Amino acid sequence: MTLQLAIGTFAGAFIFPFMIRLMWGKFVDNFGPIGGWMAAGFIVGTAWTLTHGVGAIYQTGGAWVDQAFAAFSGLWIASAIAGDDVGKSIPTIICSIVGGIIAGYVLFSFLG
């Protein structure tokens, strides 16, 4: 990977959690519960278009976990920097990893 691709990938991965942190709460505050659905469509759709459609993220291989990992890592680090108790999130992280492994195994069993 060249330096230019690395910088582009970092910037593309930064955009998604930044947009979530910046706009999701405002959507919910202004439009209530439907604002969460609107934010999901707008923020995730826009970020996906930038990263995959425009190609802001450089990828190799078949697994696309970049957007989920970018959202997790960006928001988790932002919460840690803000002083939130991120230690309470460890059980959720472990369950997410175990669930992903199980889902991958089930998909592999059916499709592999």
N, C-alpha and C. Protein backbone atom coordinates (compact mmCIF):
# COMPACT_ATOMS: atom_id res chain seq x y z
N MET A 1 0.85 -1.17 0.00
CA MET A 1 0.00 0.00 0.00
C MET A 1 0.90 1.24 0.00
N THR A 2 0.59 2.14 -0.87
CA THR A 2 1.37 3.38 -0.96
C THR A 2 0.94 4.34 0.15
N LEU A 3 1.74 5.35 0.39
CA LEU A 3 1.41 6.36 1.40
C LEU A 3 0.12 7.08 1.04
N GLN A 4 -0.07 7.36 -0.25
CA GLN A 4 -1.29 8.04 -0.69
C GLN A 4 -2.53 7.19 -0.39
N LEU A 5 -2.46 5.89 -0.64
CA LEU A 5 -3.59 5.01 -0.34
C LEU A 5 -3.82 4.90 1.16
N ALA A 6 -2.74 4.87 1.94
CA ALA A 6 -2.87 4.79 3.39
C ALA A 6 -3.54 6.04 3.95
N ILE A 7 -3.16 7.20 3.47
CA ILE A 7 -3.77 8.45 3.93
C ILE A 7 -5.24 8.51 3.51
N GLY A 8 -5.53 8.11 2.29
CA GLY A 8 -6.91 8.08 1.82
C GLY A 8 -7.76 7.12 2.62
N THR A 9 -7.21 5.96 2.96
CA THR A 9 -7.94 4.97 3.75
C THR A 9 -8.21 5.51 5.15
N PHE A 10 -7.21 6.13 5.76
CA PHE A 10 -7.39 6.70 7.10
C PHE A 10 -8.47 7.79 7.06
N ALA A 11 -8.40 8.67 6.08
CA ALA A 11 -9.39 9.74 5.97
C ALA A 11 -10.79 9.18 5.73
N GLY A 12 -10.89 8.19 4.85
CA GLY A 12 -12.18 7.57 4.59
C GLY A 12 -12.76 6.89 5.82
N ALA A 13 -11.89 6.22 6.59
CA ALA A 13 -12.34 5.56 7.81
C ALA A 13 -12.69 6.57 8.90
N PHE A 14 -12.06 7.73 8.89
CA PHE A 14 -12.33 8.76 9.89
C PHE A 14 -13.70 9.40 9.67
N ILE A 15 -14.11 9.54 8.44
CA ILE A 15 -15.34 10.26 8.10
C ILE A 15 -16.56 9.63 8.76
N PHE A 16 -16.66 8.30 8.74
CA PHE A 16 -17.86 7.62 9.22
C PHE A 16 -18.11 7.86 10.72
N PRO A 17 -17.18 7.53 11.62
CA PRO A 17 -17.47 7.80 13.04
C PRO A 17 -17.59 9.29 13.35
N PHE A 18 -16.88 10.12 12.60
CA PHE A 18 -16.99 11.56 12.79
C PHE A 18 -18.42 12.02 12.48
N MET A 19 -18.98 11.54 11.38
CA MET A 19 -20.35 11.92 11.02
C MET A 19 -21.35 11.38 12.05
N ILE A 20 -21.12 10.17 12.54
CA ILE A 20 -22.02 9.60 13.55
C ILE A 20 -22.01 10.47 14.80
N ARG A 21 -20.82 10.76 15.29
CA ARG A 21 -20.68 11.54 16.53
C ARG A 21 -21.22 12.95 16.36
N LEU A 22 -21.06 13.51 15.18
CA LEU A 22 -21.46 14.89 14.95
C LEU A 22 -22.96 15.04 14.70
N MET A 23 -23.58 14.11 13.98
CA MET A 23 -24.94 14.34 13.49
C MET A 23 -26.02 13.43 14.06
N TRP A 24 -25.70 12.21 14.48
CA TRP A 24 -26.74 11.26 14.86
C TRP A 24 -27.63 11.81 15.97
N GLY A 25 -27.02 12.33 17.03
CA GLY A 25 -27.80 12.88 18.14
C GLY A 25 -28.69 14.04 17.73
N LYS A 26 -28.21 14.87 16.82
CA LYS A 26 -29.01 16.01 16.36
C LYS A 26 -30.24 15.54 15.57
N PHE A 27 -30.06 14.48 14.77
CA PHE A 27 -31.20 13.92 14.06
C PHE A 27 -32.26 13.44 15.06
N VAL A 28 -31.83 12.71 16.08
CA VAL A 28 -32.77 12.19 17.08
C VAL A 28 -33.40 13.33 17.88
N ASP A 29 -32.61 14.33 18.25
CA ASP A 29 -33.16 15.46 18.99
C ASP A 29 -34.21 16.21 18.19
N ASN A 30 -33.96 16.39 16.90
CA ASN A 30 -34.88 17.17 16.06
C ASN A 30 -36.09 16.40 15.57
N PHE A 31 -35.93 15.10 15.31
CA PHE A 31 -37.01 14.33 14.69
C PHE A 31 -37.51 13.16 15.53
N GLY A 32 -36.97 12.99 16.72
CA GLY A 32 -37.40 11.90 17.59
C GLY A 32 -36.89 10.56 17.09
N PRO A 33 -37.61 9.49 17.41
CA PRO A 33 -37.16 8.16 17.03
C PRO A 33 -36.97 7.99 15.51
N ILE A 34 -37.81 8.61 14.72
CA ILE A 34 -37.64 8.50 13.27
C ILE A 34 -36.34 9.16 12.82
N GLY A 35 -35.85 10.11 13.61
CA GLY A 35 -34.58 10.74 13.31
C GLY A 35 -33.42 9.76 13.36
N GLY A 36 -33.52 8.75 14.23
CA GLY A 36 -32.50 7.70 14.26
C GLY A 36 -32.47 6.91 12.97
N TRP A 37 -33.64 6.62 12.45
CA TRP A 37 -33.72 5.90 11.17
C TRP A 37 -33.22 6.77 10.02
N MET A 38 -33.58 8.05 10.07
CA MET A 38 -33.10 8.97 9.04
C MET A 38 -31.58 9.10 9.10
N ALA A 39 -31.04 9.20 10.32
CA ALA A 39 -29.59 9.31 10.48
C ALA A 39 -28.91 8.05 9.96
N ALA A 40 -29.49 6.89 10.26
CA ALA A 40 -28.91 5.64 9.78
C ALA A 40 -28.82 5.62 8.26
N GLY A 41 -29.89 6.01 7.61
CA GLY A 41 -29.88 6.02 6.15
C GLY A 41 -28.95 7.07 5.57
N PHE A 42 -29.00 8.26 6.12
CA PHE A 42 -28.21 9.36 5.59
C PHE A 42 -26.72 9.18 5.88
N ILE A 43 -26.39 8.95 7.15
CA ILE A 43 -24.98 8.87 7.53
C ILE A 43 -24.32 7.63 6.96
N VAL A 44 -24.94 6.47 7.17
CA VAL A 44 -24.33 5.23 6.67
C VAL A 44 -24.30 5.23 5.15
N GLY A 45 -25.36 5.69 4.52
CA GLY A 45 -25.40 5.74 3.06
C GLY A 45 -24.36 6.66 2.47
N THR A 46 -24.22 7.84 3.06
CA THR A 46 -23.22 8.79 2.58
C THR A 46 -21.81 8.26 2.79
N ALA A 47 -21.56 7.71 3.98
CA ALA A 47 -20.22 7.17 4.26
C ALA A 47 -19.91 5.99 3.34
N TRP A 48 -20.89 5.12 3.11
CA TRP A 48 -20.65 3.98 2.22
C TRP A 48 -20.34 4.46 0.81
N THR A 49 -21.09 5.45 0.34
CA THR A 49 -20.85 5.98 -1.00
C THR A 49 -19.45 6.57 -1.11
N LEU A 50 -19.01 7.29 -0.10
CA LEU A 50 -17.67 7.87 -0.14
C LEU A 50 -16.58 6.80 -0.07
N THR A 51 -16.76 5.83 0.81
CA THR A 51 -15.69 4.85 1.00
C THR A 51 -15.67 3.77 -0.07
N HIS A 52 -16.82 3.30 -0.48
CA HIS A 52 -16.86 2.21 -1.46
C HIS A 52 -17.18 2.69 -2.87
N GLY A 53 -18.13 3.60 -2.99
CA GLY A 53 -18.49 4.09 -4.31
C GLY A 53 -17.41 4.95 -4.94
N VAL A 54 -16.92 5.93 -4.18
CA VAL A 54 -15.87 6.82 -4.66
C VAL A 54 -14.50 6.17 -4.51
N GLY A 55 -14.39 5.26 -3.55
CA GLY A 55 -13.14 4.54 -3.35
C GLY A 55 -12.18 5.20 -2.39
N ALA A 56 -12.71 5.85 -1.34
CA ALA A 56 -11.84 6.51 -0.37
C ALA A 56 -11.07 5.52 0.48
N ILE A 57 -11.54 4.27 0.56
CA ILE A 57 -10.85 3.24 1.34
C ILE A 57 -10.27 2.21 0.38
N TYR A 58 -9.01 1.91 0.57
CA TYR A 58 -8.33 0.90 -0.23
C TYR A 58 -8.55 -0.46 0.41
N GLN A 59 -9.01 -1.43 -0.39
CA GLN A 59 -9.30 -2.75 0.14
C GLN A 59 -8.65 -3.82 -0.71
N THR A 60 -8.27 -4.89 -0.04
CA THR A 60 -7.83 -6.10 -0.72
C THR A 60 -8.58 -7.25 -0.09
N GLY A 61 -8.75 -8.33 -0.82
CA GLY A 61 -9.43 -9.49 -0.27
C GLY A 61 -10.93 -9.38 -0.38
N GLY A 62 -11.60 -10.37 0.20
CA GLY A 62 -13.05 -10.46 0.05
C GLY A 62 -13.86 -9.95 1.22
N ALA A 63 -13.27 -9.84 2.42
CA ALA A 63 -14.04 -9.45 3.60
C ALA A 63 -14.07 -7.93 3.72
N TRP A 64 -15.26 -7.37 3.85
CA TRP A 64 -15.41 -5.94 4.00
C TRP A 64 -15.89 -5.65 5.43
N VAL A 65 -14.96 -5.41 6.31
CA VAL A 65 -15.30 -5.07 7.69
C VAL A 65 -14.84 -3.66 8.03
N ASP A 66 -14.40 -2.93 7.04
CA ASP A 66 -13.80 -1.63 7.28
C ASP A 66 -14.76 -0.64 7.92
N GLN A 67 -15.98 -0.54 7.45
CA GLN A 67 -16.90 0.47 7.95
C GLN A 67 -17.33 0.15 9.38
N ALA A 68 -17.60 -1.11 9.67
CA ALA A 68 -17.96 -1.48 11.04
C ALA A 68 -16.80 -1.25 11.99
N PHE A 69 -15.60 -1.62 11.57
CA PHE A 69 -14.43 -1.43 12.43
C PHE A 69 -14.12 0.06 12.60
N ALA A 70 -14.31 0.83 11.54
CA ALA A 70 -14.07 2.27 11.64
C ALA A 70 -15.05 2.91 12.62
N ALA A 71 -16.32 2.52 12.55
CA ALA A 71 -17.31 3.08 13.48
C ALA A 71 -16.98 2.69 14.91
N PHE A 72 -16.66 1.41 15.12
CA PHE A 72 -16.33 0.95 16.47
C PHE A 72 -15.10 1.67 17.02
N SER A 73 -14.02 1.61 16.29
CA SER A 73 -12.76 2.16 16.81
C SER A 73 -12.85 3.67 16.98
N GLY A 74 -13.43 4.36 16.02
CA GLY A 74 -13.53 5.81 16.12
C GLY A 74 -14.39 6.27 17.28
N LEU A 75 -15.56 5.64 17.45
CA LEU A 75 -16.45 6.05 18.53
C LEU A 75 -15.93 5.60 19.89
N TRP A 76 -15.29 4.43 19.95
CA TRP A 76 -14.75 3.94 21.21
C TRP A 76 -13.62 4.84 21.69
N ILE A 77 -12.73 5.22 20.79
CA ILE A 77 -11.61 6.08 21.15
C ILE A 77 -12.12 7.48 21.52
N ALA A 78 -13.10 7.99 20.78
CA ALA A 78 -13.66 9.30 21.11
C ALA A 78 -14.31 9.28 22.50
N SER A 79 -14.97 8.19 22.83
CA SER A 79 -15.57 8.07 24.17
C SER A 79 -14.50 8.00 25.25
N ALA A 80 -13.42 7.28 24.97
CA ALA A 80 -12.32 7.19 25.95
C ALA A 80 -11.69 8.55 26.17
N ILE A 81 -11.49 9.29 25.09
CA ILE A 81 -10.89 10.62 25.21
C ILE A 81 -11.82 11.58 25.95
N ALA A 82 -13.14 11.41 25.75
CA ALA A 82 -14.11 12.27 26.42
C ALA A 82 -14.25 11.95 27.90
N GLY A 83 -13.63 10.86 28.33
CA GLY A 83 -13.67 10.51 29.75
C GLY A 83 -14.76 9.54 30.13
N ASP A 84 -15.44 8.96 29.15
CA ASP A 84 -16.48 7.98 29.44
C ASP A 84 -15.84 6.68 29.96
N ASP A 85 -16.61 5.89 30.68
CA ASP A 85 -16.12 4.62 31.21
C ASP A 85 -16.23 3.56 30.13
N VAL A 86 -15.18 3.41 29.33
CA VAL A 86 -15.21 2.44 28.23
C VAL A 86 -15.02 1.02 28.73
N GLY A 87 -14.62 0.84 29.98
CA GLY A 87 -14.47 -0.50 30.54
C GLY A 87 -15.79 -1.26 30.57
N LYS A 88 -16.90 -0.51 30.68
CA LYS A 88 -18.21 -1.17 30.69
C LYS A 88 -18.55 -1.77 29.32
N SER A 89 -17.83 -1.37 28.28
CA SER A 89 -18.14 -1.87 26.94
C SER A 89 -17.44 -3.19 26.62
N ILE A 90 -16.52 -3.62 27.46
CA ILE A 90 -15.74 -4.83 27.18
C ILE A 90 -16.64 -6.07 27.00
N PRO A 91 -17.65 -6.33 27.87
CA PRO A 91 -18.51 -7.50 27.63
C PRO A 91 -19.23 -7.44 26.27
N THR A 92 -19.65 -6.25 25.87
CA THR A 92 -20.31 -6.10 24.58
C THR A 92 -19.35 -6.38 23.44
N ILE A 93 -18.13 -5.92 23.57
CA ILE A 93 -17.12 -6.17 22.53
C ILE A 93 -16.85 -7.66 22.41
N ILE A 94 -16.70 -8.34 23.55
CA ILE A 94 -16.45 -9.79 23.52
C ILE A 94 -17.62 -10.52 22.89
N CYS A 95 -18.84 -10.16 23.27
CA CYS A 95 -20.02 -10.82 22.69
C CYS A 95 -20.12 -10.55 21.19
N SER A 96 -19.75 -9.35 20.75
CA SER A 96 -19.77 -9.03 19.33
C SER A 96 -18.77 -9.87 18.55
N ILE A 97 -17.58 -10.05 19.11
CA ILE A 97 -16.57 -10.87 18.46
C ILE A 97 -17.02 -12.32 18.38
N VAL A 98 -17.55 -12.85 19.47
CA VAL A 98 -18.04 -14.24 19.47
C VAL A 98 -19.19 -14.39 18.47
N GLY A 99 -20.11 -13.42 18.47
CA GLY A 99 -21.22 -13.47 17.51
C GLY A 99 -20.75 -13.42 16.07
N GLY A 100 -19.73 -12.61 15.79
CA GLY A 100 -19.17 -12.54 14.44
C GLY A 100 -18.52 -13.84 14.02
N ILE A 101 -17.83 -14.48 14.95
CA ILE A 101 -17.20 -15.77 14.66
C ILE A 101 -18.26 -16.82 14.37
N ILE A 102 -19.30 -16.85 15.18
CA ILE A 102 -20.39 -17.82 14.96
C ILE A 102 -21.08 -17.55 13.63
N ALA A 103 -21.37 -16.29 13.35
CA ALA A 103 -22.02 -15.96 12.07
C ALA A 103 -21.14 -16.33 10.89
N GLY A 104 -19.84 -16.08 11.00
CA GLY A 104 -18.92 -16.47 9.93
C GLY A 104 -18.89 -17.96 9.73
N TYR A 105 -18.91 -18.72 10.82
CA TYR A 105 -18.91 -20.18 10.72
C TYR A 105 -20.20 -20.68 10.07
N VAL A 106 -21.33 -20.13 10.48
CA VAL A 106 -22.62 -20.55 9.90
C VAL A 106 -22.65 -20.22 8.41
N LEU A 107 -22.23 -19.03 8.03
CA LEU A 107 -22.20 -18.66 6.61
C LEU A 107 -21.26 -19.58 5.82
N PHE A 108 -20.11 -19.85 6.39
CA PHE A 108 -19.17 -20.74 5.73
C PHE A 108 -19.76 -22.14 5.58
N SER A 109 -20.50 -22.59 6.59
CA SER A 109 -21.10 -23.92 6.53
C SER A 109 -22.13 -24.02 5.41
N PHE A 110 -22.92 -22.96 5.22
CA PHE A 110 -23.94 -22.97 4.19
C PHE A 110 -23.41 -22.64 2.81
N LEU A 111 -22.46 -21.72 2.74
CA LEU A 111 -21.99 -21.23 1.45
C LEU A 111 -20.64 -21.80 1.05
N GLY A 112 -19.89 -22.31 2.00
CA GLY A 112 -18.53 -22.78 1.72
C GLY A 112 -18.52 -24.12 1.14
